[in-house]
Amino acid sequence: MKITHIDHVGIAVADLDAAIALYESAYGMTCVHTEVNAEQGVREAMLQVGDSDSYIQLLSPLSADSTIGRFLAGSGPGLQQLAYRVDDVDEVSAHLRAQGMRLLYDKPKSGTAGSRVNFIHPKSAGGVLVELVESATPGQATL
């Protein structure tokens, strides 16, 4: 089992365009990718932190009943998840299940830029929603 990096921190926002503008102007981050992920029910943006291969992911709901829509309704905007980059999401998921941890999906789902993802339930991860991200390009950042 191998977790290799902190891939990104996910932040739920109501207005994606306004949030991108804020992060670019206030923090000097660069929006390097946007997409709609209908399977996850979000419109998202990845903002690069400096010259690193770390990112802030801004997540805006496509509908009020999506995961992010429900998060915003219950908690308001803010930190939604911490994502770890892994070499093999299937292997890491199997290892974590063997440790008694609860994952949200039986099989990985589609993530940003063709990545494969799964999530560790907050009750198994100290109250934090943890995303496991296997990049579409092995050994490289999500983007």
C-alpha atoms as a PDB file:
ATOM      1  CA  MET A   1       0.000   0.000   0.000  1.00  0.00           C
ATOM      2  CA  LYS A   2       1.399   3.382  -0.918  1.00  0.00           C
ATOM      3  CA  ILE A   3       0.184   6.913  -0.287  1.00  0.00           C
ATOM      4  CA  THR A   4       2.638   9.202  -2.052  1.00  0.00           C
ATOM      5  CA  HIS A   5       1.549  12.832  -1.586  1.00  0.00           C
ATOM      6  CA  ILE A   6      -1.128  15.182  -0.416  1.00  0.00           C
ATOM      7  CA  ASP A   7      -2.821  15.707  -3.772  1.00  0.00           C
ATOM      8  CA  HIS A   8      -5.280  18.464  -2.964  1.00  0.00           C
ATOM      9  CA  VAL A   9      -7.610  19.981  -0.427  1.00  0.00           C
ATOM     10  CA  GLY A  10     -11.250  20.186  -1.518  1.00  0.00           C
ATOM     11  CA  ILE A  11     -13.290  23.247  -0.637  1.00  0.00           C
ATOM     12  CA  ALA A  12     -17.046  23.475  -1.176  1.00  0.00           C
ATOM     13  CA  VAL A  13     -18.203  26.777  -2.671  1.00  0.00           C
ATOM     14  CA  ALA A  14     -21.575  28.091  -3.810  1.00  0.00           C
ATOM     15  CA  ASP A  15     -20.252  30.170  -6.732  1.00  0.00           C
ATOM     16  CA  LEU A  16     -17.307  28.576  -8.541  1.00  0.00           C
ATOM     17  CA  ASP A  17     -16.445  31.575 -10.714  1.00  0.00           C
ATOM     18  CA  ALA A  18     -16.392  33.960  -7.735  1.00  0.00           C
ATOM     19  CA  ALA A  19     -14.266  31.516  -5.731  1.00  0.00           C
ATOM     20  CA  ILE A  20     -11.752  31.125  -8.587  1.00  0.00           C
ATOM     21  CA  ALA A  21     -11.457  34.907  -8.815  1.00  0.00           C
ATOM     22  CA  LEU A  22     -10.902  35.168  -5.047  1.00  0.00           C
ATOM     23  CA  TYR A  23      -8.200  32.475  -4.925  1.00  0.00           C
ATOM     24  CA  GLU A  24      -6.401  33.936  -7.929  1.00  0.00           C
ATOM     25  CA  SER A  25      -6.481  37.548  -6.708  1.00  0.00           C
ATOM     26  CA  ALA A  26      -6.098  37.061  -2.943  1.00  0.00           C
ATOM     27  CA  TYR A  27      -3.712  34.090  -2.889  1.00  0.00           C
ATOM     28  CA  GLY A  28      -2.001  34.341  -6.272  1.00  0.00           C
ATOM     29  CA  MET A  29      -3.021  30.807  -7.228  1.00  0.00           C
ATOM     30  CA  THR A  30      -3.518  29.819 -10.850  1.00  0.00           C
ATOM     31  CA  CYS A  31      -6.580  27.994 -12.101  1.00  0.00           C
ATOM     32  CA  VAL A  32      -5.113  25.213 -14.230  1.00  0.00           C
ATOM     33  CA  HIS A  33      -8.166  23.036 -14.844  1.00  0.00           C
ATOM     34  CA  THR A  34     -11.960  23.181 -14.750  1.00  0.00           C
ATOM     35  CA  GLU A  35     -14.496  20.510 -15.554  1.00  0.00           C
ATOM     36  CA  VAL A  36     -17.986  19.253 -14.876  1.00  0.00           C
ATOM     37  CA  ASN A  37     -18.093  15.839 -13.226  1.00  0.00           C
ATOM     38  CA  ALA A  38     -21.710  14.774 -13.634  1.00  0.00           C
ATOM     39  CA  GLU A  39     -21.093  11.451 -11.846  1.00  0.00           C
ATOM     40  CA  GLN A  40     -19.982  13.339  -8.710  1.00  0.00           C
ATOM     41  CA  GLY A  41     -22.550  16.133  -9.234  1.00  0.00           C
ATOM     42  CA  VAL A  42     -20.013  18.975  -9.286  1.00  0.00           C
ATOM     43  CA  ARG A  43     -18.462  21.695 -11.332  1.00  0.00           C
ATOM     44  CA  GLU A  44     -14.856  21.928 -10.172  1.00  0.00           C
ATOM     45  CA  ALA A  45     -11.649  23.862 -10.553  1.00  0.00           C
ATOM     46  CA  MET A  46      -8.083  22.929  -9.653  1.00  0.00           C
ATOM     47  CA  LEU A  47      -5.866  25.802  -8.561  1.00  0.00           C
ATOM     48  CA  GLN A  48      -2.121  25.262  -8.408  1.00  0.00           C
ATOM     49  CA  VAL A  49      -0.397  26.318  -5.197  1.00  0.00           C
ATOM     50  CA  GLY A  50       2.733  28.236  -6.260  1.00  0.00           C
ATOM     51  CA  ASP A  51       5.148  26.174  -8.349  1.00  0.00           C
ATOM     52  CA  SER A  52       4.296  22.966  -6.492  1.00  0.00           C
ATOM     53  CA  ASP A  53       2.281  19.996  -7.670  1.00  0.00           C
ATOM     54  CA  SER A  54      -0.224  20.648  -4.860  1.00  0.00           C
ATOM     55  CA  TYR A  55      -3.690  21.962  -5.540  1.00  0.00           C
ATOM     56  CA  ILE A  56      -6.763  23.492  -4.017  1.00  0.00           C
ATOM     57  CA  GLN A  57      -9.908  21.971  -5.524  1.00  0.00           C
ATOM     58  CA  LEU A  58     -12.970  24.196  -5.550  1.00  0.00           C
ATOM     59  CA  LEU A  59     -16.238  22.262  -5.751  1.00  0.00           C
ATOM     60  CA  SER A  60     -19.595  23.775  -6.682  1.00  0.00           C
ATOM     61  CA  PRO A  61     -22.769  21.652  -6.767  1.00  0.00           C
ATOM     62  CA  LEU A  62     -24.673  20.923  -9.955  1.00  0.00           C
ATOM     63  CA  SER A  63     -27.818  20.473  -7.866  1.00  0.00           C
ATOM     64  CA  ALA A  64     -28.968  20.963  -4.288  1.00  0.00           C
ATOM     65  CA  ASP A  65     -29.293  17.188  -3.783  1.00  0.00           C
ATOM     66  CA  SER A  66     -25.696  16.402  -4.828  1.00  0.00           C
ATOM     67  CA  THR A  67     -23.101  15.569  -2.170  1.00  0.00           C
ATOM     68  CA  ILE A  68     -21.632  19.086  -2.333  1.00  0.00           C
ATOM     69  CA  GLY A  69     -25.115  20.648  -2.428  1.00  0.00           C
ATOM     70  CA  ARG A  70     -26.027  18.801   0.775  1.00  0.00           C
ATOM     71  CA  PHE A  71     -22.667  19.713   2.331  1.00  0.00           C
ATOM     72  CA  LEU A  72     -23.230  23.413   1.626  1.00  0.00           C
ATOM     73  CA  ALA A  73     -26.781  23.236   3.009  1.00  0.00           C
ATOM     74  CA  GLY A  74     -25.598  21.602   6.219  1.00  0.00           C
ATOM     75  CA  SER A  75     -22.184  23.153   6.805  1.00  0.00           C
ATOM     76  CA  GLY A  76     -21.899  26.134   4.516  1.00  0.00           C
ATOM     77  CA  PRO A  77     -18.862  26.792   2.346  1.00  0.00           C
ATOM     78  CA  GLY A  78     -15.502  25.509   3.508  1.00  0.00           C
ATOM     79  CA  LEU A  79     -13.132  22.586   3.807  1.00  0.00           C
ATOM     80  CA  GLN A  80     -14.849  19.472   2.493  1.00  0.00           C
ATOM     81  CA  GLN A  81     -12.090  16.866   2.047  1.00  0.00           C
ATOM     82  CA  LEU A  82      -8.385  16.063   2.098  1.00  0.00           C
ATOM     83  CA  ALA A  83      -7.055  14.064  -0.843  1.00  0.00           C
ATOM     84  CA  TYR A  84      -4.054  11.746  -0.838  1.00  0.00           C
ATOM     85  CA  ARG A  85      -2.369  10.675  -4.070  1.00  0.00           C
ATOM     86  CA  VAL A  86      -1.895   6.914  -4.344  1.00  0.00           C
ATOM     87  CA  ASP A  87      -0.210   4.661  -6.880  1.00  0.00           C
ATOM     88  CA  ASP A  88      -3.050   2.115  -6.956  1.00  0.00           C
ATOM     89  CA  VAL A  89      -6.456   3.081  -5.564  1.00  0.00           C
ATOM     90  CA  ASP A  90      -7.674  -0.540  -5.669  1.00  0.00           C
ATOM     91  CA  GLU A  91      -4.699  -1.767  -3.615  1.00  0.00           C
ATOM     92  CA  VAL A  92      -4.962   1.044  -1.066  1.00  0.00           C
ATOM     93  CA  SER A  93      -8.741   0.577  -0.773  1.00  0.00           C
ATOM     94  CA  ALA A  94      -8.302  -3.169  -0.144  1.00  0.00           C
ATOM     95  CA  HIS A  95      -5.619  -2.490   2.484  1.00  0.00           C
ATOM     96  CA  LEU A  96      -7.787   0.048   4.293  1.00  0.00           C
ATOM     97  CA  ARG A  97     -10.816  -2.254   4.257  1.00  0.00           C
ATOM     98  CA  ALA A  98      -8.613  -5.001   5.754  1.00  0.00           C
ATOM     99  CA  GLN A  99      -7.783  -2.513   8.531  1.00  0.00           C
ATOM    100  CA  GLY A 100     -11.514  -2.181   9.232  1.00  0.00           C
ATOM    101  CA  MET A 101     -11.962   1.202   7.555  1.00  0.00           C
ATOM    102  CA  ARG A 102     -15.181   2.056   5.733  1.00  0.00           C
ATOM    103  CA  LEU A 103     -14.895   3.304   2.153  1.00  0.00           C
ATOM    104  CA  LEU A 104     -17.739   5.033   0.352  1.00  0.00           C
ATOM    105  CA  TYR A 105     -17.564   3.039  -2.894  1.00  0.00           C
ATOM    106  CA  ASP A 106     -17.137  -0.655  -3.636  1.00  0.00           C
ATOM    107  CA  LYS A 107     -15.211   0.292  -6.785  1.00  0.00           C
ATOM    108  CA  PRO A 108     -13.399   3.544  -7.642  1.00  0.00           C
ATOM    109  CA  LYS A 109     -15.282   6.309  -9.439  1.00  0.00           C
ATOM    110  CA  SER A 110     -14.170   8.829 -12.052  1.00  0.00           C
ATOM    111  CA  GLY A 111     -12.363  11.844 -10.639  1.00  0.00           C
ATOM    112  CA  THR A 112     -10.683  14.977 -11.946  1.00  0.00           C
ATOM    113  CA  ALA A 113      -8.892  14.765 -15.301  1.00  0.00           C
ATOM    114  CA  GLY A 114      -9.493  11.042 -15.732  1.00  0.00           C
ATOM    115  CA  SER A 115      -8.251  10.044 -12.285  1.00  0.00           C
ATOM    116  CA  ARG A 116      -9.767   7.177 -10.283  1.00  0.00           C
ATOM    117  CA  VAL A 117     -10.997   7.977  -6.765  1.00  0.00           C
ATOM    118  CA  ASN A 118     -12.492   6.503  -3.641  1.00  0.00           C
ATOM    119  CA  PHE A 119     -13.261   8.060  -0.265  1.00  0.00           C
ATOM    120  CA  ILE A 120     -12.696   6.956   3.320  1.00  0.00           C
ATOM    121  CA  HIS A 121     -15.773   7.642   5.435  1.00  0.00           C
ATOM    122  CA  PRO A 122     -15.130  10.360   8.040  1.00  0.00           C
ATOM    123  CA  LYS A 123     -16.145   7.963  10.853  1.00  0.00           C
ATOM    124  CA  SER A 124     -13.165   5.770   9.889  1.00  0.00           C
ATOM    125  CA  ALA A 125     -10.743   8.654   9.368  1.00  0.00           C
ATOM    126  CA  GLY A 126     -10.915  10.728  12.522  1.00  0.00           C
ATOM    127  CA  GLY A 127     -13.784  12.919  11.345  1.00  0.00           C
ATOM    128  CA  VAL A 128     -12.177  13.891   8.023  1.00  0.00           C
ATOM    129  CA  LEU A 129     -13.490  12.887   4.598  1.00  0.00           C
ATOM    130  CA  VAL A 130     -10.374  11.489   2.901  1.00  0.00           C
ATOM    131  CA  GLU A 131     -10.167  11.068  -0.853  1.00  0.00           C
ATOM    132  CA  LEU A 132      -7.787   8.576  -2.453  1.00  0.00           C
ATOM    133  CA  VAL A 133      -6.652   9.720  -5.925  1.00  0.00           C
ATOM    134  CA  GLU A 134      -4.938   7.582  -8.535  1.00  0.00           C
ATOM    135  CA  SER A 135      -3.761   9.871 -11.324  1.00  0.00           C
ATOM    136  CA  ALA A 136      -4.595   9.018 -14.929  1.00  0.00           C
ATOM    137  CA  THR A 137      -0.825   9.382 -15.510  1.00  0.00           C
ATOM    138  CA  PRO A 138       0.965   7.035 -13.078  1.00  0.00           C
ATOM    139  CA  GLY A 139       3.586   8.679 -10.883  1.00  0.00           C
ATOM    140  CA  GLN A 140       2.426  12.212 -11.699  1.00  0.00           C
ATOM    141  CA  ALA A 141       0.100  14.763 -10.198  1.00  0.00           C
ATOM    142  CA  THR A 142      -3.605  14.598 -10.980  1.00  0.00           C
ATOM    143  CA  LEU A 143      -3.165  17.246 -13.679  1.00  0.00           C
END
